[in-house]
C-alpha atoms as a PDB file:
ATOM      1  CA  MET A   1     -20.109   1.617 -22.109  1.00  0.00           C
ATOM      2  CA  ASN A   2     -23.689   1.207 -23.299  1.00  0.00           C
ATOM      3  CA  GLU A   3     -25.863   1.913 -20.277  1.00  0.00           C
ATOM      4  CA  THR A   4     -29.027   0.640 -22.024  1.00  0.00           C
ATOM      5  CA  ALA A   5     -27.559  -2.867 -22.391  1.00  0.00           C
ATOM      6  CA  VAL A   6     -28.692  -3.732 -18.857  1.00  0.00           C
ATOM      7  CA  ALA A   7     -32.289  -3.705 -17.650  1.00  0.00           C
ATOM      8  CA  PRO A   8     -32.981  -0.442 -15.768  1.00  0.00           C
ATOM      9  CA  GLY A   9     -34.633  -2.248 -12.855  1.00  0.00           C
ATOM     10  CA  SER A  10     -31.828  -4.713 -12.121  1.00  0.00           C
ATOM     11  CA  ARG A  11     -29.734  -4.279  -8.994  1.00  0.00           C
ATOM     12  CA  ARG A  12     -26.449  -2.405  -9.099  1.00  0.00           C
ATOM     13  CA  PHE A  13     -23.329  -2.927  -7.007  1.00  0.00           C
ATOM     14  CA  ARG A  14     -20.570  -0.517  -6.036  1.00  0.00           C
ATOM     15  CA  VAL A  15     -17.138  -1.013  -7.577  1.00  0.00           C
ATOM     16  CA  VAL A  16     -13.711   0.529  -7.117  1.00  0.00           C
ATOM     17  CA  VAL A  17     -11.380  -0.140 -10.028  1.00  0.00           C
ATOM     18  CA  PHE A  18      -7.579   0.103  -9.948  1.00  0.00           C
ATOM     19  CA  GLU A  19      -5.105  -0.403 -12.763  1.00  0.00           C
ATOM     20  CA  PHE A  20      -1.426  -0.987 -12.014  1.00  0.00           C
ATOM     21  CA  PRO A  21       1.459  -1.287 -14.505  1.00  0.00           C
ATOM     22  CA  TRP A  22       2.615  -4.672 -13.220  1.00  0.00           C
ATOM     23  CA  GLU A  23       1.258  -8.067 -12.237  1.00  0.00           C
ATOM     24  CA  LEU A  24      -0.030  -7.848  -8.676  1.00  0.00           C
ATOM     25  CA  GLY A  25       0.734 -11.471  -7.803  1.00  0.00           C
ATOM     26  CA  PRO A  26      -2.490 -13.481  -7.472  1.00  0.00           C
ATOM     27  CA  GLN A  27      -3.686 -15.215 -10.619  1.00  0.00           C
ATOM     28  CA  ASP A  28      -6.511 -13.722 -12.638  1.00  0.00           C
ATOM     29  CA  GLY A  29      -9.897 -14.626 -11.218  1.00  0.00           C
ATOM     30  CA  ARG A  30     -12.441 -13.777  -8.518  1.00  0.00           C
ATOM     31  CA  TYR A  31     -11.570 -13.718  -4.824  1.00  0.00           C
ATOM     32  CA  THR A  32     -14.212 -13.514  -2.112  1.00  0.00           C
ATOM     33  CA  ILE A  33     -13.383 -11.491   1.011  1.00  0.00           C
ATOM     34  CA  ARG A  34     -15.122 -12.139   4.332  1.00  0.00           C
ATOM     35  CA  GLU A  35     -14.749  -9.850   7.330  1.00  0.00           C
ATOM     36  CA  GLN A  36     -15.263 -12.718   9.802  1.00  0.00           C
ATOM     37  CA  LEU A  37     -15.319 -16.504   9.519  1.00  0.00           C
ATOM     38  CA  GLY A  38     -18.845 -17.738   8.912  1.00  0.00           C
ATOM     39  CA  GLU A  39     -20.135 -14.442   7.532  1.00  0.00           C
ATOM     40  CA  ALA A  40     -21.313 -13.928   3.983  1.00  0.00           C
ATOM     41  CA  PRO A  41     -18.711 -12.420   1.616  1.00  0.00           C
ATOM     42  CA  ALA A  42     -18.607  -8.641   2.012  1.00  0.00           C
ATOM     43  CA  HIS A  43     -16.556  -8.006  -1.125  1.00  0.00           C
ATOM     44  CA  VAL A  44     -15.369  -9.754  -4.242  1.00  0.00           C
ATOM     45  CA  LEU A  45     -12.070  -8.842  -5.899  1.00  0.00           C
ATOM     46  CA  VAL A  46     -11.866  -9.464  -9.648  1.00  0.00           C
ATOM     47  CA  LEU A  47      -8.315  -9.504 -11.033  1.00  0.00           C
ATOM     48  CA  ARG A  48      -7.601  -9.420 -14.747  1.00  0.00           C
ATOM     49  CA  THR A  49      -4.391  -8.948 -16.705  1.00  0.00           C
ATOM     50  CA  LEU A  50      -5.196  -6.465 -19.468  1.00  0.00           C
ATOM     51  CA  SER A  51      -1.908  -6.712 -21.329  1.00  0.00           C
ATOM     52  CA  ALA A  52       1.297  -8.607 -20.830  1.00  0.00           C
ATOM     53  CA  PRO A  53       4.729  -8.717 -22.461  1.00  0.00           C
ATOM     54  CA  GLU A  54       5.564 -11.503 -24.854  1.00  0.00           C
ATOM     55  CA  ARG A  55       7.417 -14.182 -22.947  1.00  0.00           C
ATOM     56  CA  ARG A  56      10.216 -15.566 -25.119  1.00  0.00           C
ATOM     57  CA  ARG A  57      11.898 -18.712 -23.940  1.00  0.00           C
ATOM     58  CA  LEU A  58      15.658 -18.763 -23.823  1.00  0.00           C
ATOM     59  CA  THR A  59      17.072 -21.374 -26.173  1.00  0.00           C
ATOM     60  CA  ARG A  60      18.972 -24.267 -24.636  1.00  0.00           C
ATOM     61  CA  ARG A  61      22.023 -25.961 -26.056  1.00  0.00           C
ATOM     62  CA  HIS A  62      23.800 -28.880 -24.456  1.00  0.00           C
ATOM     63  CA  GLY A  63      21.690 -28.501 -21.330  1.00  0.00           C
ATOM     64  CA  ARG A  64      22.736 -24.884 -20.759  1.00  0.00           C
ATOM     65  CA  THR A  65      20.759 -21.661 -21.179  1.00  0.00           C
ATOM     66  CA  ARG A  66      22.053 -19.523 -24.031  1.00  0.00           C
ATOM     67  CA  ALA A  67      21.659 -15.762 -23.681  1.00  0.00           C
ATOM     68  CA  LEU A  68      20.092 -13.887 -26.582  1.00  0.00           C
ATOM     69  CA  GLN A  69      21.841 -11.090 -28.396  1.00  0.00           C
ATOM     70  CA  ALA A  70      20.669  -7.669 -27.186  1.00  0.00           C
ATOM     71  CA  PRO A  71      20.323  -5.071 -29.957  1.00  0.00           C
ATOM     72  CA  PRO A  72      21.656  -1.545 -29.350  1.00  0.00           C
ATOM     73  CA  ASP A  73      19.025   1.023 -28.359  1.00  0.00           C
ATOM     74  CA  PRO A  74      16.159  -1.480 -28.028  1.00  0.00           C
ATOM     75  CA  PRO A  75      12.588  -0.211 -27.620  1.00  0.00           C
ATOM     76  CA  PRO A  76      11.170  -0.252 -24.066  1.00  0.00           C
ATOM     77  CA  THR A  77      10.046  -3.684 -22.937  1.00  0.00           C
ATOM     78  CA  ALA A  78       6.282  -4.035 -22.710  1.00  0.00           C
ATOM     79  CA  VAL A  79       4.900  -4.406 -19.199  1.00  0.00           C
ATOM     80  CA  ALA A  80       1.854  -6.173 -17.860  1.00  0.00           C
ATOM     81  CA  THR A  81      -1.115  -4.103 -16.736  1.00  0.00           C
ATOM     82  CA  THR A  82      -3.445  -5.517 -14.091  1.00  0.00           C
ATOM     83  CA  ARG A  83      -6.972  -4.350 -13.339  1.00  0.00           C
ATOM     84  CA  GLY A  84      -8.337  -4.980  -9.870  1.00  0.00           C
ATOM     85  CA  THR A  85     -12.096  -4.442  -9.417  1.00  0.00           C
ATOM     86  CA  LEU A  86     -13.385  -4.528  -5.854  1.00  0.00           C
ATOM     87  CA  VAL A  87     -17.117  -5.216  -5.737  1.00  0.00           C
ATOM     88  CA  ASP A  88     -19.210  -4.434  -2.656  1.00  0.00           C
ATOM     89  CA  THR A  89     -21.743  -7.264  -2.342  1.00  0.00           C
ATOM     90  CA  ALA A  90     -24.351  -4.974  -0.703  1.00  0.00           C
ATOM     91  CA  ALA A  91     -26.704  -3.954  -3.517  1.00  0.00           C
ATOM     92  CA  LEU A  92     -27.502  -0.284  -4.109  1.00  0.00           C
ATOM     93  CA  GLY A  93     -30.874  -0.825  -5.761  1.00  0.00           C
ATOM     94  CA  ASP A  94     -31.773   0.071  -9.330  1.00  0.00           C
ATOM     95  CA  TYR A  95     -29.952   2.294 -11.811  1.00  0.00           C
ATOM     96  CA  ALA A  96     -31.503   5.509 -10.519  1.00  0.00           C
ATOM     97  CA  ALA A  97     -30.576   4.778  -6.899  1.00  0.00           C
ATOM     98  CA  ALA A  98     -27.048   3.853  -7.919  1.00  0.00           C
ATOM     99  CA  SER A  99     -26.688   7.054  -9.924  1.00  0.00           C
ATOM    100  CA  ARG A 100     -27.725   9.145  -6.908  1.00  0.00           C
ATOM    101  CA  TRP A 101     -25.182   7.320  -4.769  1.00  0.00           C
ATOM    102  CA  LEU A 102     -22.382   7.925  -7.277  1.00  0.00           C
ATOM    103  CA  ALA A 103     -23.196  11.637  -7.545  1.00  0.00           C
ATOM    104  CA  ASP A 104     -22.748  12.117  -3.782  1.00  0.00           C
ATOM    105  CA  ALA A 105     -20.020   9.536  -3.099  1.00  0.00           C
ATOM    106  CA  ASP A 106     -16.827  10.463  -1.236  1.00  0.00           C
ATOM    107  CA  LEU A 107     -14.492   9.117  -3.896  1.00  0.00           C
ATOM    108  CA  ALA A 108     -11.264   9.587  -1.940  1.00  0.00           C
ATOM    109  CA  ALA A 109     -12.573   7.733   1.119  1.00  0.00           C
ATOM    110  CA  LEU A 110     -13.921   4.904  -1.013  1.00  0.00           C
ATOM    111  CA  ALA A 111     -10.586   4.590  -2.826  1.00  0.00           C
ATOM    112  CA  ASP A 112      -8.646   4.444   0.453  1.00  0.00           C
ATOM    113  CA  ASP A 113     -10.966   1.792   1.866  1.00  0.00           C
ATOM    114  CA  ALA A 114     -10.793  -0.301  -1.308  1.00  0.00           C
ATOM    115  CA  LEU A 115      -7.016  -0.020  -1.424  1.00  0.00           C
ATOM    116  CA  ALA A 116      -6.795  -1.407   2.115  1.00  0.00           C
ATOM    117  CA  ARG A 117      -8.880  -4.416   1.060  1.00  0.00           C
ATOM    118  CA  LEU A 118      -6.779  -4.937  -2.057  1.00  0.00           C
ATOM    119  CA  ASN A 119      -3.635  -4.870   0.074  1.00  0.00           C
ATOM    120  CA  ARG A 120      -5.228  -7.415   2.388  1.00  0.00           C
ATOM    121  CA  VAL A 121      -5.417  -9.797  -0.584  1.00  0.00           C
ATOM    122  CA  LEU A 122      -1.836  -9.011  -1.633  1.00  0.00           C
ATOM    123  CA  HIS A 123      -0.610  -9.595   1.918  1.00  0.00           C
ATOM    124  CA  ALA A 124      -2.373 -12.956   1.973  1.00  0.00           C
ATOM    125  CA  GLN A 125      -0.734 -13.790  -1.368  1.00  0.00           C
ATOM    126  CA  ARG A 126       2.680 -12.862   0.033  1.00  0.00           C
ATOM    127  CA  VAL A 127       2.196 -15.187   2.994  1.00  0.00           C
ATOM    128  CA  ALA A 128       0.636 -17.996   0.932  1.00  0.00           C
ATOM    129  CA  SER A 129       3.442 -17.909  -1.653  1.00  0.00           C
ATOM    130  CA  ALA A 130       6.210 -17.238   0.907  1.00  0.00           C
ATOM    131  CA  ASP A 131       7.417 -14.479  -1.425  1.00  0.00           C
ATOM    132  CA  PRO A 132       9.181 -11.734   0.559  1.00  0.00           C
ATOM    133  CA  TYR A 133       9.357  -9.513  -2.522  1.00  0.00           C
ATOM    134  CA  ALA A 134       5.605  -9.333  -3.097  1.00  0.00           C
ATOM    135  CA  ARG A 135       4.458  -5.939  -1.867  1.00  0.00           C
ATOM    136  CA  ASP A 136       1.526  -3.752  -0.989  1.00  0.00           C
ATOM    137  CA  VAL A 137       0.481  -1.044  -3.411  1.00  0.00           C
ATOM    138  CA  ALA A 138      -0.138   2.673  -2.898  1.00  0.00           C
ATOM    139  CA  LEU A 139      -2.813   4.872  -4.416  1.00  0.00           C
ATOM    140  CA  GLN A 140      -0.302   7.074  -6.203  1.00  0.00           C
ATOM    141  CA  GLN A 141       1.131   4.013  -7.982  1.00  0.00           C
ATOM    142  CA  ALA A 142      -2.137   3.318  -9.809  1.00  0.00           C
ATOM    143  CA  LEU A 143      -2.435   4.273 -13.444  1.00  0.00           C
ATOM    144  CA  VAL A 144      -6.102   5.005 -12.898  1.00  0.00           C
ATOM    145  CA  VAL A 145      -8.684   4.787 -10.093  1.00  0.00           C
ATOM    146  CA  ARG A 146     -12.399   4.654 -10.878  1.00  0.00           C
ATOM    147  CA  ILE A 147     -15.436   4.553  -8.585  1.00  0.00           C
ATOM    148  CA  GLY A 148     -18.716   3.384 -10.032  1.00  0.00           C
ATOM    149  CA  PHE A 149     -21.417   0.756 -10.163  1.00  0.00           C
ATOM    150  CA  GLY A 150     -22.732  -1.994 -12.387  1.00  0.00           C
ATOM    151  CA  ASP A 151     -25.212  -4.818 -12.572  1.00  0.00           C
ATOM    152  CA  GLY A 152     -24.241  -8.178 -11.090  1.00  0.00           C
ATOM    153  CA  GLU A 153     -23.202  -9.853 -14.326  1.00  0.00           C
ATOM    154  CA  ARG A 154     -21.082  -6.936 -15.458  1.00  0.00           C
ATOM    155  CA  VAL A 155     -19.212  -6.329 -12.192  1.00  0.00           C
ATOM    156  CA  ALA A 156     -18.586 -10.068 -11.777  1.00  0.00           C
ATOM    157  CA  ASP A 157     -16.603  -9.809 -14.994  1.00  0.00           C
ATOM    158  CA  GLY A 158     -14.641  -6.777 -13.763  1.00  0.00           C
ATOM    159  CA  GLY A 159     -16.724  -4.156 -15.570  1.00  0.00           C
ATOM    160  CA  TRP A 160     -19.158  -1.385 -14.657  1.00  0.00           C
ATOM    161  CA  ASP A 161     -22.115   0.620 -15.974  1.00  0.00           C
ATOM    162  CA  ARG A 162     -21.011   4.085 -14.866  1.00  0.00           C
ATOM    163  CA  ALA A 163     -17.913   5.343 -13.076  1.00  0.00           C
ATOM    164  CA  ARG A 164     -16.126   8.516 -12.080  1.00  0.00           C
ATOM    165  CA  GLU A 165     -12.366   8.707 -12.420  1.00  0.00           C
ATOM    166  CA  LEU A 166     -10.186  10.185  -9.695  1.00  0.00           C
ATOM    167  CA  PRO A 167      -7.463  12.658 -10.679  1.00  0.00           C
ATOM    168  CA  ARG A 168      -3.897  11.487 -10.288  1.00  0.00           C
ATOM    169  CA  PRO A 169      -3.190  11.481  -6.558  1.00  0.00           C
ATOM    170  CA  ALA A 170      -1.071  14.401  -5.378  1.00  0.00           C
ATOM    171  CA  LEU A 171       1.399  14.372  -2.503  1.00  0.00           C
ATOM    172  CA  ARG A 172      -0.475  14.214   0.794  1.00  0.00           C
ATOM    173  CA  ALA A 173       1.251  17.250   2.204  1.00  0.00           C
ATOM    174  CA  ALA A 174       2.185  20.456   0.392  1.00  0.00           C
ATOM    175  CA  ARG A 175       5.919  21.009   0.330  1.00  0.00           C
ATOM    176  CA  THR A 176       8.105  23.990  -0.365  1.00  0.00           C
ATOM    177  CA  ARG A 177      10.689  23.682  -3.119  1.00  0.00           C
ATOM    178  CA  GLY A 178      13.479  23.445  -0.567  1.00  0.00           C
ATOM    179  CA  ALA A 179      11.768  20.613   1.291  1.00  0.00           C
ATOM    180  CA  ALA A 180      11.038  18.792  -1.960  1.00  0.00           C
ATOM    181  CA  LEU A 181      14.728  18.833  -2.839  1.00  0.00           C
ATOM    182  CA  ARG A 182      15.804  17.418   0.522  1.00  0.00           C
ATOM    183  CA  PRO A 183      15.285  13.725  -0.340  1.00  0.00           C
ATOM    184  CA  GLN A 184      17.389  14.134  -3.493  1.00  0.00           C
ATOM    185  CA  GLU A 185      20.126  15.833  -1.493  1.00  0.00           C
ATOM    186  CA  ARG A 186      20.109  13.032   1.041  1.00  0.00           C
ATOM    187  CA  LEU A 187      20.196  10.390  -1.668  1.00  0.00           C
ATOM    188  CA  ALA A 188      23.357  11.999  -3.026  1.00  0.00           C
ATOM    189  CA  ALA A 189      24.820  12.101   0.484  1.00  0.00           C
ATOM    190  CA  LEU A 190      24.031   8.433   1.083  1.00  0.00           C
ATOM    191  CA  LEU A 191      25.583   7.368  -2.219  1.00  0.00           C
ATOM    192  CA  ALA A 192      28.663   9.502  -1.587  1.00  0.00           C
ATOM    193  CA  GLY A 193      29.154   8.149   1.910  1.00  0.00           C
ATOM    194  CA  ARG A 194      28.528  11.502   3.598  1.00  0.00           C
ATOM    195  CA  ASP A 195      25.503  10.083   5.419  1.00  0.00           C
ATOM    196  CA  VAL A 196      24.378   6.646   6.529  1.00  0.00           C
ATOM    197  CA  ALA A 197      21.017   4.894   6.316  1.00  0.00           C
ATOM    198  CA  LEU A 198      20.026   3.685   9.774  1.00  0.00           C
ATOM    199  CA  ALA A 199      18.424   0.297  10.342  1.00  0.00           C
ATOM    200  CA  CYS A 200      15.662   1.966  12.356  1.00  0.00           C
ATOM    201  CA  GLU A 201      14.710   4.054   9.311  1.00  0.00           C
ATOM    202  CA  GLU A 202      13.905   0.957   7.269  1.00  0.00           C
ATOM    203  CA  LEU A 203      12.182  -0.658  10.252  1.00  0.00           C
ATOM    204  CA  ALA A 204      10.053   2.450  10.818  1.00  0.00           C
ATOM    205  CA  LEU A 205       8.949   2.390   7.182  1.00  0.00           C
ATOM    206  CA  ARG A 206       7.807  -1.216   7.561  1.00  0.00           C
ATOM    207  CA  VAL A 207       5.836  -0.356  10.694  1.00  0.00           C
ATOM    208  CA  ARG A 208       4.191   2.559   8.880  1.00  0.00           C
ATOM    209  CA  VAL A 209       3.115   0.248   6.034  1.00  0.00           C
ATOM    210  CA  ASP A 210       1.622  -2.195   8.552  1.00  0.00           C
ATOM    211  CA  ILE A 211      -0.310   0.581  10.307  1.00  0.00           C
ATOM    212  CA  ASP A 212      -1.671   1.936   7.038  1.00  0.00           C
ATOM    213  CA  ALA A 213      -2.729  -1.585   6.028  1.00  0.00           C
ATOM    214  CA  GLY A 214      -4.445  -2.239   9.361  1.00  0.00           C
ATOM    215  CA  ARG A 215      -1.978  -4.958  10.387  1.00  0.00           C
ATOM    216  CA  LEU A 216      -1.805  -3.629  13.924  1.00  0.00           C
ATOM    217  CA  ARG A 217      -0.314  -6.669  15.643  1.00  0.00           C
ATOM    218  CA  GLU A 218       2.531  -6.732  13.126  1.00  0.00           C
ATOM    219  CA  ALA A 219       2.969  -2.975  13.593  1.00  0.00           C
ATOM    220  CA  ALA A 220       3.197  -3.332  17.386  1.00  0.00           C
ATOM    221  CA  LEU A 221       5.688  -6.187  17.166  1.00  0.00           C
ATOM    222  CA  GLY A 222       7.824  -4.311  14.650  1.00  0.00           C
ATOM    223  CA  LEU A 223       7.661  -1.145  16.715  1.00  0.00           C
ATOM    224  CA  GLY A 224       9.280  -2.880  19.684  1.00  0.00           C
ATOM    225  CA  VAL A 225      12.416  -3.630  17.665  1.00  0.00           C
ATOM    226  CA  THR A 226      12.301  -0.272  15.862  1.00  0.00           C
ATOM    227  CA  PHE A 227      12.103   1.609  19.148  1.00  0.00           C
ATOM    228  CA  ASP A 228      15.228   0.014  20.625  1.00  0.00           C
ATOM    229  CA  ALA A 229      17.113   0.391  17.335  1.00  0.00           C
ATOM    230  CA  ALA A 230      16.228   4.089  17.190  1.00  0.00           C
ATOM    231  CA  LEU A 231      17.396   4.714  20.748  1.00  0.00           C
ATOM    232  CA  ALA A 232      20.764   3.094  20.014  1.00  0.00           C
ATOM    233  CA  GLU A 233      21.343   4.485  16.518  1.00  0.00           C
ATOM    234  CA  LEU A 234      20.272   8.069  17.206  1.00  0.00           C
ATOM    235  CA  GLU A 235      22.476   8.454  20.288  1.00  0.00           C
ATOM    236  CA  PRO A 236      25.560   9.666  18.329  1.00  0.00           C
ATOM    237  CA  TRP A 237      23.444  12.552  16.969  1.00  0.00           C
ATOM    238  CA  ARG A 238      22.004  13.691  20.282  1.00  0.00           C
ATOM    239  CA  ASP A 239      24.168  16.841  20.336  1.00  0.00           C
ATOM    240  CA  ALA A 240      24.987  17.398  16.664  1.00  0.00           C
ATOM    241  CA  ALA A 241      21.353  17.309  15.551  1.00  0.00           C
ATOM    242  CA  GLY A 242      19.806  18.559  18.786  1.00  0.00           C
ATOM    243  CA  LEU A 243      18.142  15.235  19.575  1.00  0.00           C
ATOM    244  CA  ALA A 244      18.758  15.150  23.329  1.00  0.00           C
ATOM    245  CA  GLY A 245      15.188  16.130  24.201  1.00  0.00           C
ATOM    246  CA  ARG A 246      13.645  13.775  21.641  1.00  0.00           C
ATOM    247  CA  LEU A 247      15.763  10.857  22.851  1.00  0.00           C
ATOM    248  CA  ALA A 248      14.793  11.536  26.447  1.00  0.00           C
ATOM    249  CA  ALA A 249      11.119  11.515  25.457  1.00  0.00           C
ATOM    250  CA  LEU A 250      11.582   8.231  23.620  1.00  0.00           C
ATOM    251  CA  ARG A 251      13.300   6.614  26.605  1.00  0.00           C
ATOM    252  CA  ASP A 252      10.412   7.641  28.815  1.00  0.00           C
ATOM    253  CA  ARG A 253       8.066   5.623  26.591  1.00  0.00           C
ATOM    254  CA  ARG A 254      10.195   2.503  26.132  1.00  0.00           C
ATOM    255  CA  ASP A 255       8.472   0.414  28.803  1.00  0.00           C
ATOM    256  CA  GLU A 256       5.068   1.420  27.460  1.00  0.00           C
ATOM    257  CA  VAL A 257       6.021   0.489  23.898  1.00  0.00           C
ATOM    258  CA  GLN A 258       7.527  -2.842  24.900  1.00  0.00           C
ATOM    259  CA  ALA A 259       4.426  -3.659  26.959  1.00  0.00           C
ATOM    260  CA  VAL A 260       2.258  -3.134  23.879  1.00  0.00           C
ATOM    261  CA  ALA A 261       4.628  -5.291  21.814  1.00  0.00           C
ATOM    262  CA  GLY A 262       4.303  -8.003  24.467  1.00  0.00           C
ATOM    263  CA  ALA A 263       0.519  -7.722  24.366  1.00  0.00           C
ATOM    264  CA  ALA A 264       0.621  -8.148  20.589  1.00  0.00           C
ATOM    265  CA  LEU A 265       2.275 -11.532  21.075  1.00  0.00           C
ATOM    266  CA  GLN A 266      -0.790 -12.678  23.000  1.00  0.00           C
ATOM    267  CA  GLY A 267      -3.446 -11.439  20.575  1.00  0.00           C
ATOM    268  CA  GLY A 268      -5.255  -8.316  19.447  1.00  0.00           C
ATOM    269  CA  LEU A 269      -4.767  -4.797  20.777  1.00  0.00           C
ATOM    270  CA  ASP A 270      -7.304  -2.486  22.371  1.00  0.00           C
ATOM    271  CA  ASP A 271      -7.858   1.119  21.296  1.00  0.00           C
ATOM    272  CA  ALA A 272      -5.433   2.541  23.875  1.00  0.00           C
ATOM    273  CA  GLN A 273      -2.649   0.196  22.764  1.00  0.00           C
ATOM    274  CA  ILE A 274      -3.290   0.992  19.111  1.00  0.00           C
ATOM    275  CA  ALA A 275      -2.963   4.681  19.963  1.00  0.00           C
ATOM    276  CA  VAL A 276       0.410   3.989  21.609  1.00  0.00           C
ATOM    277  CA  VAL A 277       1.668   2.327  18.423  1.00  0.00           C
ATOM    278  CA  GLY A 278       0.665   5.299  16.278  1.00  0.00           C
ATOM    279  CA  SER A 279       1.974   8.013  18.571  1.00  0.00           C
ATOM    280  CA  ALA A 280       5.265   6.257  19.384  1.00  0.00           C
ATOM    281  CA  LEU A 281       5.990   5.658  15.724  1.00  0.00           C
ATOM    282  CA  GLY A 282       5.240   9.332  15.093  1.00  0.00           C
ATOM    283  CA  GLN A 283       7.877  10.282  17.675  1.00  0.00           C
ATOM    284  CA  ILE A 284      10.463   8.058  16.005  1.00  0.00           C
ATOM    285  CA  GLU A 285       9.653   9.513  12.586  1.00  0.00           C
ATOM    286  CA  ALA A 286       9.965  13.051  13.967  1.00  0.00           C
ATOM    287  CA  ALA A 287      13.341  12.223  15.513  1.00  0.00           C
ATOM    288  CA  LEU A 288      14.578  10.764  12.224  1.00  0.00           C
ATOM    289  CA  ARG A 289      13.477  13.874  10.333  1.00  0.00           C
ATOM    290  CA  ALA A 290      15.238  16.052  12.894  1.00  0.00           C
ATOM    291  CA  ARG A 291      18.459  14.075  12.491  1.00  0.00           C
ATOM    292  CA  VAL A 292      18.409  14.551   8.723  1.00  0.00           C
ATOM    293  CA  ALA A 293      17.572  18.260   9.048  1.00  0.00           C
ATOM    294  CA  GLY A 294      20.365  18.786  11.565  1.00  0.00           C
ATOM    295  CA  SER A 295      23.025  16.788   9.706  1.00  0.00           C
ATOM    296  CA  PRO A 296      25.255  18.399   7.066  1.00  0.00           C
ATOM    297  CA  MET A 297      24.846  16.933   3.603  1.00  0.00           C
END
């Protein structure tokens, strides 16, 4: 992009740019994000569909939809690509000041923070549209992540003056080859009927998504159900997978967890209650990993 196209003295604004290989849900446009009611917008999210598949209408005959003939070995269907540009409304200053900021910026932290704000918009879209299949996004799902800055006119249109591109996100934790193969082994066991997917496993995943997205009330409420489901469903494995000690530790925390879930019904949580949600979910996740490790595949 031509950096000389914008006056050097004009103000620049920080941007984090994501591109995903699907339509995120909200229509293209600009969305203002306020931290609190009555405050000035802290961020603006600019959504733009960069490419989209051709939408062919099915022909109708006698009031019925007629399916089209599918050719053998068709080429891959084109997919939509959506760019989401999160603009921080706090100005950096001129081009020189913005360049200094970009040189020293913690790109990973900025990407994580921007992703949380993007997911806040997607969560609001899910609620507003009553669409249970709309979902949050993860950093590793992005085609590209860029951190940069631009003048007001350019960023308002979803662009930037300068940006640095993050490398493709790697797995958060290093794994040995044996550990990396474990999920594939379990998938085969589940499909073959040699293992069973527990309800508490799916519930724990939902709580983890809520925690990562900062939806702490939802996480606390979900944890209450997850906790009781885990206690009941893990009981048959207490001896086979060596879970007796873990189950005893979970039972000792049940009243504490349910008290936090009850508090979440009344409103927000304090720091101590938030810590309970995180640590209790960690115990459930550890118990679930132990069950899989101790069960024959």
